Amino acid sequence: MIVDEVCDTAPILQGKRGTLMEEILCMEHITKQFGSVFANRDINLEVRRGV
């Protein structure tokens, strides 16, 4: 798996119903490849803390 960047900041955003949603994981430009076959290419993942 190749990860080009990991987000530097962890902003706290206001979600639905006024809850605060802290970003706990952010990865950008993720690629997973098996030989010449790409399972995924250049995807971004952002996970926020649940309530």
C-alpha atoms as a PDB file:
ATOM      1  CA  MET A   1       0.000   0.000   0.000  1.00  0.00           C
ATOM      2  CA  ILE A   2       1.287   3.459  -0.885  1.00  0.00           C
ATOM      3  CA  VAL A   3       0.226   6.548   1.060  1.00  0.00           C
ATOM      4  CA  ASP A   4       1.585   9.829  -0.289  1.00  0.00           C
ATOM      5  CA  GLU A   5       0.317  12.133   2.417  1.00  0.00           C
ATOM      6  CA  VAL A   6      -1.131  12.063   5.895  1.00  0.00           C
ATOM      7  CA  CYS A   7      -3.117  15.161   6.826  1.00  0.00           C
ATOM      8  CA  ASP A   8      -1.307  17.545   9.159  1.00  0.00           C
ATOM      9  CA  THR A   9      -4.321  19.117  10.783  1.00  0.00           C
ATOM     10  CA  ALA A  10      -7.197  17.604  12.687  1.00  0.00           C
ATOM     11  CA  PRO A  11     -10.004  20.147  12.425  1.00  0.00           C
ATOM     12  CA  ILE A  12     -13.094  19.899  14.587  1.00  0.00           C
ATOM     13  CA  LEU A  13     -16.216  20.404  12.496  1.00  0.00           C
ATOM     14  CA  GLN A  14     -19.805  20.814  13.541  1.00  0.00           C
ATOM     15  CA  GLY A  15     -21.942  17.959  12.304  1.00  0.00           C
ATOM     16  CA  LYS A  16     -25.660  17.392  12.173  1.00  0.00           C
ATOM     17  CA  ARG A  17     -27.627  18.214  15.316  1.00  0.00           C
ATOM     18  CA  GLY A  18     -24.811  20.490  16.522  1.00  0.00           C
ATOM     19  CA  THR A  19     -22.411  17.681  17.485  1.00  0.00           C
ATOM     20  CA  LEU A  20     -18.680  18.272  17.176  1.00  0.00           C
ATOM     21  CA  MET A  21     -16.913  15.841  14.872  1.00  0.00           C
ATOM     22  CA  GLU A  22     -13.162  15.633  15.405  1.00  0.00           C
ATOM     23  CA  GLU A  23     -11.128  14.250  12.534  1.00  0.00           C
ATOM     24  CA  ILE A  24      -9.104  11.352  13.960  1.00  0.00           C
ATOM     25  CA  LEU A  25      -7.617   9.922  10.767  1.00  0.00           C
ATOM     26  CA  CYS A  26      -6.946  11.435   7.365  1.00  0.00           C
ATOM     27  CA  MET A  27      -4.973   9.794   4.553  1.00  0.00           C
ATOM     28  CA  GLU A  28      -4.719  11.069   0.991  1.00  0.00           C
ATOM     29  CA  HIS A  29      -3.671   9.554  -2.346  1.00  0.00           C
ATOM     30  CA  ILE A  30      -3.842   5.907  -1.176  1.00  0.00           C
ATOM     31  CA  THR A  31      -3.045   3.240  -3.776  1.00  0.00           C
ATOM     32  CA  LYS A  32      -3.151  -0.555  -3.348  1.00  0.00           C
ATOM     33  CA  GLN A  33      -1.762  -2.622  -6.195  1.00  0.00           C
ATOM     34  CA  PHE A  34      -1.310  -6.369  -6.783  1.00  0.00           C
ATOM     35  CA  GLY A  35       1.186  -6.755  -9.604  1.00  0.00           C
ATOM     36  CA  SER A  36      -0.293  -4.832 -12.502  1.00  0.00           C
ATOM     37  CA  VAL A  37      -3.826  -4.864 -11.017  1.00  0.00           C
ATOM     38  CA  PHE A  38      -4.980  -1.871  -8.959  1.00  0.00           C
ATOM     39  CA  ALA A  39      -7.366  -2.650  -6.087  1.00  0.00           C
ATOM     40  CA  ASN A  40      -7.768   1.107  -5.628  1.00  0.00           C
ATOM     41  CA  ARG A  41      -5.934   4.099  -6.985  1.00  0.00           C
ATOM     42  CA  ASP A  42      -5.511   7.577  -5.523  1.00  0.00           C
ATOM     43  CA  ILE A  43      -8.310   7.474  -2.936  1.00  0.00           C
ATOM     44  CA  ASN A  44      -8.721   9.663   0.146  1.00  0.00           C
ATOM     45  CA  LEU A  45      -9.902   8.486   3.566  1.00  0.00           C
ATOM     46  CA  GLU A  46     -11.207  10.682   6.363  1.00  0.00           C
ATOM     47  CA  VAL A  47     -12.504   9.273   9.670  1.00  0.00           C
ATOM     48  CA  ARG A  48     -14.254  11.394  12.261  1.00  0.00           C
ATOM     49  CA  ARG A  49     -14.880  10.536  15.910  1.00  0.00           C
ATOM     50  CA  GLY A  50     -18.409   9.226  16.477  1.00  0.00           C
ATOM     51  CA  VAL A  51     -20.770  10.243  19.210  1.00  0.00           C
END
